[in-house]
Every structure is written in C-alpha cells, then in structure tokens.
Amino acid sequence: MIFSIQRYLEDHFNRRALSDSDQYAVTLARLYDRDRAGKTEPQFLAAMQRIRTRFYKGNDIANRVEFSRHLLRLMDAKFKKKPLFSSQRQSLKKLKPRAAA
C-alpha cells in the first residue's frame, strides 16, 4: 500500500513540476499508511506538519498548511477506507455459520 501512495504522490508532484529532493512522498506515504486510520483530519494534518522536509522551501510553496490539506484530501479520496457501520457488522454476523453443538 505504501508504494501505491508514494507513486500517487510522486505522479502528482511531477504533474505540478514540483521537486522532491528529500523523498517527502515516501515519508508522507509511510505516515498515511501507518496513522491515517486512527486520526481525524486535524490530528493527521498536525502529524504532517511535524515531518521535517525541504520540499516546501525548495518548491516555493508559500502556504504549507493549505498544500498539506490539499494532499490529504487527494490521498483520502484515493486511499481512505470507508468505515464499517454497525448495521453492516450485524449483517456479517448473521452470515457466519454457527458452530455445531
């Protein structure tokens, strides 16, 4: 999964002619794969801000927060799994075969 996210980010950076000299895409892909499921959007954006990188200065991106929010929305649209609702869990339990007594 990490490679898919990394490749997606690298393609996005290439389309926008952004240089990724310190492999920000790799670091962000690892963070997204490891931590996104358990965090809200503001919590994950804060985690993204803690990544030390030259990516933003090297590409003259003035508003890091807005660009990070844009990247998170792109990744969520492509990779975020939908939550399993309680009604779906109940249906799955009904489909399980019962153990023989």
PDB file of N, CA and C in Angstrom:
ATOM      1  N   MET A   1       0.825  -1.194   0.000  1.00  0.00           N
ATOM      2  CA  MET A   1       0.000   0.000   0.000  1.00  0.00           C
ATOM      3  C   MET A   1       0.872   1.261   0.000  1.00  0.00           C
ATOM      4  N   ILE A   2       1.978   1.205   0.744  1.00  0.00           N
ATOM      5  CA  ILE A   2       2.843   2.378   0.828  1.00  0.00           C
ATOM      6  C   ILE A   2       3.347   2.767  -0.555  1.00  0.00           C
ATOM      7  N   PHE A   3       3.729   1.781  -1.356  1.00  0.00           N
ATOM      8  CA  PHE A   3       4.248   2.090  -2.681  1.00  0.00           C
ATOM      9  C   PHE A   3       3.186   2.753  -3.550  1.00  0.00           C
ATOM     10  N   SER A   4       1.943   2.318  -3.444  1.00  0.00           N
ATOM     11  CA  SER A   4       0.857   2.921  -4.227  1.00  0.00           C
ATOM     12  C   SER A   4       0.661   4.388  -3.864  1.00  0.00           C
ATOM     13  N   ILE A   5       0.680   4.662  -2.568  1.00  0.00           N
ATOM     14  CA  ILE A   5       0.522   6.047  -2.111  1.00  0.00           C
ATOM     15  C   ILE A   5       1.705   6.885  -2.557  1.00  0.00           C
ATOM     16  N   GLN A   6       2.904   6.339  -2.384  1.00  0.00           N
ATOM     17  CA  GLN A   6       4.121   7.044  -2.797  1.00  0.00           C
ATOM     18  C   GLN A   6       4.082   7.374  -4.281  1.00  0.00           C
ATOM     19  N   ARG A   7       3.738   6.401  -5.091  1.00  0.00           N
ATOM     20  CA  ARG A   7       3.697   6.602  -6.545  1.00  0.00           C
ATOM     21  C   ARG A   7       2.651   7.661  -6.911  1.00  0.00           C
ATOM     22  N   TYR A   8       1.504   7.610  -6.249  1.00  0.00           N
ATOM     23  CA  TYR A   8       0.445   8.583  -6.488  1.00  0.00           C
ATOM     24  C   TYR A   8       0.932  10.002  -6.176  1.00  0.00           C
ATOM     25  N   LEU A   9       1.611  10.163  -5.036  1.00  0.00           N
ATOM     26  CA  LEU A   9       2.146  11.476  -4.663  1.00  0.00           C
ATOM     27  C   LEU A   9       3.225  11.935  -5.635  1.00  0.00           C
ATOM     28  N   GLU A  10       4.128  11.033  -6.011  1.00  0.00           N
ATOM     29  CA  GLU A  10       5.189  11.390  -6.958  1.00  0.00           C
ATOM     30  C   GLU A  10       4.606  11.818  -8.296  1.00  0.00           C
ATOM     31  N   ASP A  11       3.593  11.111  -8.769  1.00  0.00           N
ATOM     32  CA  ASP A  11       2.938  11.499 -10.025  1.00  0.00           C
ATOM     33  C   ASP A  11       2.294  12.876  -9.896  1.00  0.00           C
ATOM     34  N   HIS A  12       1.662  13.132  -8.766  1.00  0.00           N
ATOM     35  CA  HIS A  12       1.038  14.442  -8.535  1.00  0.00           C
ATOM     36  C   HIS A  12       2.096  15.542  -8.535  1.00  0.00           C
ATOM     37  N   PHE A  13       3.215  15.296  -7.852  1.00  0.00           N
ATOM     38  CA  PHE A  13       4.302  16.281  -7.821  1.00  0.00           C
ATOM     39  C   PHE A  13       4.862  16.520  -9.219  1.00  0.00           C
ATOM     40  N   ASN A  14       5.043  15.467  -9.983  1.00  0.00           N
ATOM     41  CA  ASN A  14       5.566  15.607 -11.351  1.00  0.00           C
ATOM     42  C   ASN A  14       4.616  16.406 -12.241  1.00  0.00           C
ATOM     43  N   ARG A  15       3.310  16.154 -12.121  1.00  0.00           N
ATOM     44  CA  ARG A  15       2.334  16.912 -12.918  1.00  0.00           C
ATOM     45  C   ARG A  15       2.374  18.400 -12.592  1.00  0.00           C
ATOM     46  N   ARG A  16       2.695  18.726 -11.339  1.00  0.00           N
ATOM     47  CA  ARG A  16       2.767  20.127 -10.918  1.00  0.00           C
ATOM     48  C   ARG A  16       4.181  20.680 -10.992  1.00  0.00           C
ATOM     49  N   ALA A  17       5.107  19.899 -11.543  1.00  0.00           N
ATOM     50  CA  ALA A  17       6.516  20.294 -11.716  1.00  0.00           C
ATOM     51  C   ALA A  17       7.172  20.662 -10.382  1.00  0.00           C
ATOM     52  N   LEU A  18       6.903  19.837  -9.362  1.00  0.00           N
ATOM     53  CA  LEU A  18       7.489  20.040  -8.038  1.00  0.00           C
ATOM     54  C   LEU A  18       8.644  19.061  -7.847  1.00  0.00           C
ATOM     55  N   SER A  19       9.716  19.540  -7.248  1.00  0.00           N
ATOM     56  CA  SER A  19      10.898  18.721  -6.989  1.00  0.00           C
ATOM     57  C   SER A  19      10.788  18.078  -5.608  1.00  0.00           C
ATOM     58  N   ASP A  20      11.115  16.791  -5.530  1.00  0.00           N
ATOM     59  CA  ASP A  20      11.057  16.069  -4.263  1.00  0.00           C
ATOM     60  C   ASP A  20      12.449  15.558  -3.918  1.00  0.00           C
ATOM     61  N   SER A  21      13.337  16.473  -3.542  1.00  0.00           N
ATOM     62  CA  SER A  21      14.747  16.143  -3.338  1.00  0.00           C
ATOM     63  C   SER A  21      15.005  15.291  -2.101  1.00  0.00           C
ATOM     64  N   ASP A  22      14.159  15.383  -1.082  1.00  0.00           N
ATOM     65  CA  ASP A  22      14.401  14.605   0.136  1.00  0.00           C
ATOM     66  C   ASP A  22      13.364  13.494   0.356  1.00  0.00           C
ATOM     67  N   GLN A  23      12.730  13.071  -0.708  1.00  0.00           N
ATOM     68  CA  GLN A  23      11.768  11.969  -0.705  1.00  0.00           C
ATOM     69  C   GLN A  23      10.612  12.195   0.279  1.00  0.00           C
ATOM     70  N   TYR A  24      10.035  13.362   0.188  1.00  0.00           N
ATOM     71  CA  TYR A  24       8.876  13.706   1.009  1.00  0.00           C
ATOM     72  C   TYR A  24       7.715  12.759   0.716  1.00  0.00           C
ATOM     73  N   ALA A  25       7.566  12.334  -0.528  1.00  0.00           N
ATOM     74  CA  ALA A  25       6.476  11.424  -0.905  1.00  0.00           C
ATOM     75  C   ALA A  25       6.585  10.107  -0.143  1.00  0.00           C
ATOM     76  N   VAL A  26       7.782   9.601   0.029  1.00  0.00           N
ATOM     77  CA  VAL A  26       7.993   8.344   0.748  1.00  0.00           C
ATOM     78  C   VAL A  26       7.615   8.505   2.221  1.00  0.00           C
ATOM     79  N   THR A  27       8.099   9.567   2.837  1.00  0.00           N
ATOM     80  CA  THR A  27       7.815   9.821   4.248  1.00  0.00           C
ATOM     81  C   THR A  27       6.319  10.016   4.480  1.00  0.00           C
ATOM     82  N   LEU A  28       5.680  10.765   3.599  1.00  0.00           N
ATOM     83  CA  LEU A  28       4.252  11.020   3.736  1.00  0.00           C
ATOM     84  C   LEU A  28       3.440   9.751   3.497  1.00  0.00           C
ATOM     85  N   ALA A  29       3.850   8.935   2.554  1.00  0.00           N
ATOM     86  CA  ALA A  29       3.153   7.674   2.286  1.00  0.00           C
ATOM     87  C   ALA A  29       3.229   6.745   3.498  1.00  0.00           C
ATOM     88  N   ARG A  30       4.391   6.666   4.126  1.00  0.00           N
ATOM     89  CA  ARG A  30       4.539   5.831   5.329  1.00  0.00           C
ATOM     90  C   ARG A  30       3.644   6.332   6.456  1.00  0.00           C
ATOM     91  N   LEU A  31       3.643   7.644   6.657  1.00  0.00           N
ATOM     92  CA  LEU A  31       2.811   8.230   7.701  1.00  0.00           C
ATOM     93  C   LEU A  31       1.334   7.957   7.424  1.00  0.00           C
ATOM     94  N   TYR A  32       0.905   8.146   6.203  1.00  0.00           N
ATOM     95  CA  TYR A  32      -0.501   7.949   5.845  1.00  0.00           C
ATOM     96  C   TYR A  32      -0.910   6.495   6.068  1.00  0.00           C
ATOM     97  N   ASP A  33      -0.084   5.578   5.628  1.00  0.00           N
ATOM     98  CA  ASP A  33      -0.402   4.159   5.767  1.00  0.00           C
ATOM     99  C   ASP A  33      -0.439   3.734   7.234  1.00  0.00           C
ATOM    100  N   ARG A  34       0.454   4.257   8.027  1.00  0.00           N
ATOM    101  CA  ARG A  34       0.581   3.856   9.430  1.00  0.00           C
ATOM    102  C   ARG A  34      -0.461   4.526  10.332  1.00  0.00           C
ATOM    103  N   ASP A  35      -0.743   5.819  10.112  1.00  0.00           N
ATOM    104  CA  ASP A  35      -1.504   6.591  11.091  1.00  0.00           C
ATOM    105  C   ASP A  35      -2.854   7.138  10.646  1.00  0.00           C
ATOM    106  N   ARG A  36      -3.171   7.138   9.385  1.00  0.00           N
ATOM    107  CA  ARG A  36      -4.378   7.840   8.948  1.00  0.00           C
ATOM    108  C   ARG A  36      -5.661   7.241   9.507  1.00  0.00           C
ATOM    109  N   ALA A  37      -5.736   5.941   9.595  1.00  0.00           N
ATOM    110  CA  ALA A  37      -6.989   5.301  10.018  1.00  0.00           C
ATOM    111  C   ALA A  37      -7.413   5.703  11.424  1.00  0.00           C
ATOM    112  N   GLY A  38      -6.474   5.959  12.314  1.00  0.00           N
ATOM    113  CA  GLY A  38      -6.832   6.253  13.690  1.00  0.00           C
ATOM    114  C   GLY A  38      -6.909   7.722  14.045  1.00  0.00           C
ATOM    115  N   LYS A  39      -6.802   8.609  13.067  1.00  0.00           N
ATOM    116  CA  LYS A  39      -6.771  10.041  13.383  1.00  0.00           C
ATOM    117  C   LYS A  39      -7.806  10.821  12.589  1.00  0.00           C
ATOM    118  N   THR A  40      -8.256  11.915  13.195  1.00  0.00           N
ATOM    119  CA  THR A  40      -9.153  12.827  12.493  1.00  0.00           C
ATOM    120  C   THR A  40      -8.320  13.672  11.526  1.00  0.00           C
ATOM    121  N   GLU A  41      -8.996  14.423  10.694  1.00  0.00           N
ATOM    122  CA  GLU A  41      -8.275  15.273   9.739  1.00  0.00           C
ATOM    123  C   GLU A  41      -7.348  16.276  10.431  1.00  0.00           C
ATOM    124  N   PRO A  42      -7.811  17.030  11.439  1.00  0.00           N
ATOM    125  CA  PRO A  42      -6.886  17.969  12.104  1.00  0.00           C
ATOM    126  C   PRO A  42      -5.705  17.268  12.786  1.00  0.00           C
ATOM    127  N   GLN A  43      -5.947  16.106  13.380  1.00  0.00           N
ATOM    128  CA  GLN A  43      -4.854  15.367  14.021  1.00  0.00           C
ATOM    129  C   GLN A  43      -3.821  14.913  12.991  1.00  0.00           C
ATOM    130  N   PHE A  44      -4.308  14.420  11.856  1.00  0.00           N
ATOM    131  CA  PHE A  44      -3.374  13.949  10.841  1.00  0.00           C
ATOM    132  C   PHE A  44      -2.634  15.117  10.185  1.00  0.00           C
ATOM    133  N   LEU A  45      -3.303  16.235   9.979  1.00  0.00           N
ATOM    134  CA  LEU A  45      -2.626  17.413   9.434  1.00  0.00           C
ATOM    135  C   LEU A  45      -1.514  17.877  10.370  1.00  0.00           C
ATOM    136  N   ALA A  46      -1.763  17.798  11.677  1.00  0.00           N
ATOM    137  CA  ALA A  46      -0.729  18.159  12.653  1.00  0.00           C
ATOM    138  C   ALA A  46       0.463  17.202  12.536  1.00  0.00           C
ATOM    139  N   ALA A  47       0.184  15.922  12.324  1.00  0.00           N
ATOM    140  CA  ALA A  47       1.265  14.948  12.141  1.00  0.00           C
ATOM    141  C   ALA A  47       2.045  15.239  10.856  1.00  0.00           C
ATOM    142  N   MET A  48       1.346  15.661   9.813  1.00  0.00           N
ATOM    143  CA  MET A  48       2.020  16.026   8.557  1.00  0.00           C
ATOM    144  C   MET A  48       2.932  17.233   8.767  1.00  0.00           C
ATOM    145  N   GLN A  49       2.508  18.176   9.609  1.00  0.00           N
ATOM    146  CA  GLN A  49       3.301  19.374   9.863  1.00  0.00           C
ATOM    147  C   GLN A  49       4.589  19.056  10.617  1.00  0.00           C
ATOM    148  N   ARG A  50       4.593  17.953  11.350  1.00  0.00           N
ATOM    149  CA  ARG A  50       5.781  17.573  12.116  1.00  0.00           C
ATOM    150  C   ARG A  50       6.861  16.913  11.254  1.00  0.00           C
ATOM    151  N   ILE A  51       6.542  16.574  10.012  1.00  0.00           N
ATOM    152  CA  ILE A  51       7.543  15.990   9.114  1.00  0.00           C
ATOM    153  C   ILE A  51       8.551  17.077   8.747  1.00  0.00           C
ATOM    154  N   ARG A  52       9.826  16.785   8.957  1.00  0.00           N
ATOM    155  CA  ARG A  52      10.882  17.737   8.589  1.00  0.00           C
ATOM    156  C   ARG A  52      11.267  17.474   7.142  1.00  0.00           C
ATOM    157  N   THR A  53      11.133  18.503   6.308  1.00  0.00           N
ATOM    158  CA  THR A  53      11.400  18.357   4.884  1.00  0.00           C
ATOM    159  C   THR A  53      11.830  19.684   4.270  1.00  0.00           C
ATOM    160  N   ARG A  54      12.548  19.573   3.174  1.00  0.00           N
ATOM    161  CA  ARG A  54      12.918  20.757   2.386  1.00  0.00           C
ATOM    162  C   ARG A  54      11.955  20.961   1.220  1.00  0.00           C
ATOM    163  N   PHE A  55      10.985  20.100   1.103  1.00  0.00           N
ATOM    164  CA  PHE A  55      10.061  20.095  -0.035  1.00  0.00           C
ATOM    165  C   PHE A  55       9.385  21.454  -0.236  1.00  0.00           C
ATOM    166  N   TYR A  56       8.890  22.049   0.823  1.00  0.00           N
ATOM    167  CA  TYR A  56       8.121  23.291   0.698  1.00  0.00           C
ATOM    168  C   TYR A  56       8.992  24.489   0.337  1.00  0.00           C
ATOM    169  N   LYS A  57      10.147  24.605   0.960  1.00  0.00           N
ATOM    170  CA  LYS A  57      11.045  25.718   0.625  1.00  0.00           C
ATOM    171  C   LYS A  57      11.652  25.535  -0.753  1.00  0.00           C
ATOM    172  N   GLY A  58      11.984  24.311  -1.100  1.00  0.00           N
ATOM    173  CA  GLY A  58      12.587  24.037  -2.402  1.00  0.00           C
ATOM    174  C   GLY A  58      11.649  24.289  -3.567  1.00  0.00           C
ATOM    175  N   ASN A  59      10.355  24.257  -3.309  1.00  0.00           N
ATOM    176  CA  ASN A  59       9.366  24.463  -4.370  1.00  0.00           C
ATOM    177  C   ASN A  59       8.605  25.775  -4.228  1.00  0.00           C
ATOM    178  N   ASP A  60       9.059  26.636  -3.341  1.00  0.00           N
ATOM    179  CA  ASP A  60       8.421  27.936  -3.125  1.00  0.00           C
ATOM    180  C   ASP A  60       6.914  27.825  -2.883  1.00  0.00           C
ATOM    181  N   ILE A  61       6.547  26.922  -2.012  1.00  0.00           N
ATOM    182  CA  ILE A  61       5.147  26.786  -1.620  1.00  0.00           C
ATOM    183  C   ILE A  61       4.953  27.676  -0.401  1.00  0.00           C
ATOM    184  N   ALA A  62       4.172  28.727  -0.575  1.00  0.00           N
ATOM    185  CA  ALA A  62       4.024  29.733   0.471  1.00  0.00           C
ATOM    186  C   ALA A  62       3.165  29.247   1.633  1.00  0.00           C
ATOM    187  N   ASN A  63       2.082  28.536   1.349  1.00  0.00           N
ATOM    188  CA  ASN A  63       1.150  28.131   2.392  1.00  0.00           C
ATOM    189  C   ASN A  63       1.210  26.613   2.576  1.00  0.00           C
ATOM    190  N   ARG A  64       2.061  26.182   3.499  1.00  0.00           N
ATOM    191  CA  ARG A  64       2.256  24.749   3.733  1.00  0.00           C
ATOM    192  C   ARG A  64       0.975  24.092   4.250  1.00  0.00           C
ATOM    193  N   VAL A  65       0.252  24.772   5.119  1.00  0.00           N
ATOM    194  CA  VAL A  65      -0.967  24.200   5.702  1.00  0.00           C
ATOM    195  C   VAL A  65      -1.990  23.905   4.610  1.00  0.00           C
ATOM    196  N   GLU A  66      -2.204  24.858   3.731  1.00  0.00           N
ATOM    197  CA  GLU A  66      -3.191  24.663   2.658  1.00  0.00           C
ATOM    198  C   GLU A  66      -2.759  23.566   1.689  1.00  0.00           C
ATOM    199  N   PHE A  67      -1.481  23.520   1.351  1.00  0.00           N
ATOM    200  CA  PHE A  67      -0.985  22.483   0.452  1.00  0.00           C
ATOM    201  C   PHE A  67      -1.092  21.104   1.115  1.00  0.00           C
ATOM    202  N   SER A  68      -0.794  21.028   2.404  1.00  0.00           N
ATOM    203  CA  SER A  68      -0.918  19.761   3.137  1.00  0.00           C
ATOM    204  C   SER A  68      -2.372  19.294   3.159  1.00  0.00           C
ATOM    205  N   ARG A  69      -3.286  20.228   3.375  1.00  0.00           N
ATOM    206  CA  ARG A  69      -4.714  19.897   3.368  1.00  0.00           C
ATOM    207  C   ARG A  69      -5.133  19.374   1.993  1.00  0.00           C
ATOM    208  N   HIS A  70      -4.614  19.992   0.941  1.00  0.00           N
ATOM    209  CA  HIS A  70      -4.895  19.544  -0.428  1.00  0.00           C
ATOM    210  C   HIS A  70      -4.380  18.117  -0.647  1.00  0.00           C
ATOM    211  N   LEU A  71      -3.154  17.844  -0.200  1.00  0.00           N
ATOM    212  CA  LEU A  71      -2.586  16.496  -0.353  1.00  0.00           C
ATOM    213  C   LEU A  71      -3.400  15.468   0.427  1.00  0.00           C
ATOM    214  N   LEU A  72      -3.813  15.823   1.625  1.00  0.00           N
ATOM    215  CA  LEU A  72      -4.595  14.894   2.438  1.00  0.00           C
ATOM    216  C   LEU A  72      -5.932  14.583   1.772  1.00  0.00           C
ATOM    217  N   ARG A  73      -6.567  15.573   1.219  1.00  0.00           N
ATOM    218  CA  ARG A  73      -7.845  15.332   0.528  1.00  0.00           C
ATOM    219  C   ARG A  73      -7.651  14.429  -0.691  1.00  0.00           C
ATOM    220  N   LEU A  74      -6.562  14.632  -1.420  1.00  0.00           N
ATOM    221  CA  LEU A  74      -6.274  13.765  -2.562  1.00  0.00           C
ATOM    222  C   LEU A  74      -6.061  12.318  -2.113  1.00  0.00           C
ATOM    223  N   MET A  75      -5.256  12.135  -1.068  1.00  0.00           N
ATOM    224  CA  MET A  75      -4.981  10.785  -0.576  1.00  0.00           C
ATOM    225  C   MET A  75      -6.233  10.131   0.001  1.00  0.00           C
ATOM    226  N   ASP A  76      -7.039  10.895   0.722  1.00  0.00           N
ATOM    227  CA  ASP A  76      -8.272  10.342   1.277  1.00  0.00           C
ATOM    228  C   ASP A  76      -9.228   9.900   0.175  1.00  0.00           C
ATOM    229  N   ALA A  77      -9.343  10.701  -0.864  1.00  0.00           N
ATOM    230  CA  ALA A  77     -10.242  10.359  -1.966  1.00  0.00           C
ATOM    231  C   ALA A  77      -9.800   9.079  -2.659  1.00  0.00           C
ATOM    232  N   LYS A  78      -8.505   8.855  -2.713  1.00  0.00           N
ATOM    233  CA  LYS A  78      -7.980   7.700  -3.430  1.00  0.00           C
ATOM    234  C   LYS A  78      -7.805   6.463  -2.543  1.00  0.00           C
ATOM    235  N   PHE A  79      -7.383   6.647  -1.281  1.00  0.00           N
ATOM    236  CA  PHE A  79      -6.942   5.512  -0.480  1.00  0.00           C
ATOM    237  C   PHE A  79      -7.698   5.266   0.817  1.00  0.00           C
ATOM    238  N   LYS A  80      -8.438   6.230   1.325  1.00  0.00           N
ATOM    239  CA  LYS A  80      -9.060   6.035   2.639  1.00  0.00           C
ATOM    240  C   LYS A  80     -10.182   5.017   2.545  1.00  0.00           C
ATOM    241  N   LYS A  81     -10.143   4.062   3.470  1.00  0.00           N
ATOM    242  CA  LYS A  81     -11.176   3.030   3.504  1.00  0.00           C
ATOM    243  C   LYS A  81     -12.394   3.566   4.222  1.00  0.00           C
ATOM    244  N   LYS A  82     -13.548   3.133   3.769  1.00  0.00           N
ATOM    245  CA  LYS A  82     -14.790   3.563   4.391  1.00  0.00           C
ATOM    246  C   LYS A  82     -14.985   2.802   5.688  1.00  0.00           C
ATOM    247  N   PRO A  83     -15.534   3.471   6.706  1.00  0.00           N
ATOM    248  CA  PRO A  83     -15.750   2.781   7.987  1.00  0.00           C
ATOM    249  C   PRO A  83     -16.842   1.724   7.862  1.00  0.00           C
ATOM    250  N   LEU A  84     -16.713   0.691   8.654  1.00  0.00           N
ATOM    251  CA  LEU A  84     -17.696  -0.370   8.685  1.00  0.00           C
ATOM    252  C   LEU A  84     -18.780   0.024   9.678  1.00  0.00           C
ATOM    253  N   PHE A  85     -19.994   0.235   9.198  1.00  0.00           N
ATOM    254  CA  PHE A  85     -21.080   0.685  10.054  1.00  0.00           C
ATOM    255  C   PHE A  85     -21.637  -0.477  10.864  1.00  0.00           C
ATOM    256  N   SER A  86     -22.268  -0.175  11.981  1.00  0.00           N
ATOM    257  CA  SER A  86     -22.767  -1.214  12.877  1.00  0.00           C
ATOM    258  C   SER A  86     -23.795  -2.107  12.192  1.00  0.00           C
ATOM    259  N   SER A  87     -24.627  -1.565  11.321  1.00  0.00           N
ATOM    260  CA  SER A  87     -25.615  -2.387  10.625  1.00  0.00           C
ATOM    261  C   SER A  87     -24.937  -3.397   9.708  1.00  0.00           C
ATOM    262  N   GLN A  88     -23.802  -3.019   9.127  1.00  0.00           N
ATOM    263  CA  GLN A  88     -23.065  -3.951   8.284  1.00  0.00           C
ATOM    264  C   GLN A  88     -22.443  -5.047   9.131  1.00  0.00           C
ATOM    265  N   ARG A  89     -21.958  -4.706  10.330  1.00  0.00           N
ATOM    266  CA  ARG A  89     -21.361  -5.708  11.216  1.00  0.00           C
ATOM    267  C   ARG A  89     -22.400  -6.739  11.617  1.00  0.00           C
ATOM    268  N   GLN A  90     -23.618  -6.291  11.893  1.00  0.00           N
ATOM    269  CA  GLN A  90     -24.667  -7.216  12.289  1.00  0.00           C
ATOM    270  C   GLN A  90     -24.997  -8.167  11.146  1.00  0.00           C
ATOM    271  N   SER A  91     -25.039  -7.647   9.931  1.00  0.00           N
ATOM    272  CA  SER A  91     -25.334  -8.490   8.784  1.00  0.00           C
ATOM    273  C   SER A  91     -24.256  -9.539   8.589  1.00  0.00           C
ATOM    274  N   LEU A  92     -23.012  -9.152   8.780  1.00  0.00           N
ATOM    275  CA  LEU A  92     -21.912 -10.093   8.631  1.00  0.00           C
ATOM    276  C   LEU A  92     -21.988 -11.187   9.691  1.00  0.00           C
ATOM    277  N   LYS A  93     -22.408 -10.851  10.909  1.00  0.00           N
ATOM    278  CA  LYS A  93     -22.537 -11.847  11.957  1.00  0.00           C
ATOM    279  C   LYS A  93     -23.617 -12.873  11.607  1.00  0.00           C
ATOM    280  N   LYS A  94     -24.684 -12.413  10.988  1.00  0.00           N
ATOM    281  CA  LYS A  94     -25.770 -13.323  10.612  1.00  0.00           C
ATOM    282  C   LYS A  94     -25.308 -14.304   9.523  1.00  0.00           C
ATOM    283  N   LEU A  95     -24.377 -13.905   8.695  1.00  0.00           N
ATOM    284  CA  LEU A  95     -23.908 -14.746   7.612  1.00  0.00           C
ATOM    285  C   LEU A  95     -22.914 -15.812   8.067  1.00  0.00           C
ATOM    286  N   LYS A  96     -22.325 -15.635   9.238  1.00  0.00           N
ATOM    287  CA  LYS A  96     -21.351 -16.612   9.736  1.00  0.00           C
ATOM    288  C   LYS A  96     -22.058 -17.916  10.073  1.00  0.00           C
ATOM    289  N   PRO A  97     -21.470 -19.022   9.676  1.00  0.00           N
ATOM    290  CA  PRO A  97     -22.089 -20.314  10.049  1.00  0.00           C
ATOM    291  C   PRO A  97     -21.919 -20.563  11.548  1.00  0.00           C
ATOM    292  N   ARG A  98     -22.932 -21.129  12.129  1.00  0.00           N
ATOM    293  CA  ARG A  98     -22.882 -21.415  13.567  1.00  0.00           C
ATOM    294  C   ARG A  98     -22.087 -22.683  13.793  1.00  0.00           C
ATOM    295  N   ALA A  99     -21.389 -22.739  14.911  1.00  0.00           N
ATOM    296  CA  ALA A  99     -20.611 -23.927  15.261  1.00  0.00           C
ATOM    297  C   ALA A  99     -21.557 -25.052  15.646  1.00  0.00           C
ATOM    298  N   ALA A 100     -21.205 -26.264  15.253  1.00  0.00           N
ATOM    299  CA  ALA A 100     -22.044 -27.430  15.584  1.00  0.00           C
ATOM    300  C   ALA A 100     -21.973 -27.689  17.083  1.00  0.00           C
ATOM    301  N   ALA A 101     -23.144 -27.941  17.671  1.00  0.00           N
ATOM    302  CA  ALA A 101     -23.198 -28.153  19.126  1.00  0.00           C
ATOM    303  C   ALA A 101     -22.881 -29.576  19.510  1.00  0.00           C
TER     304      ALA A 101
END
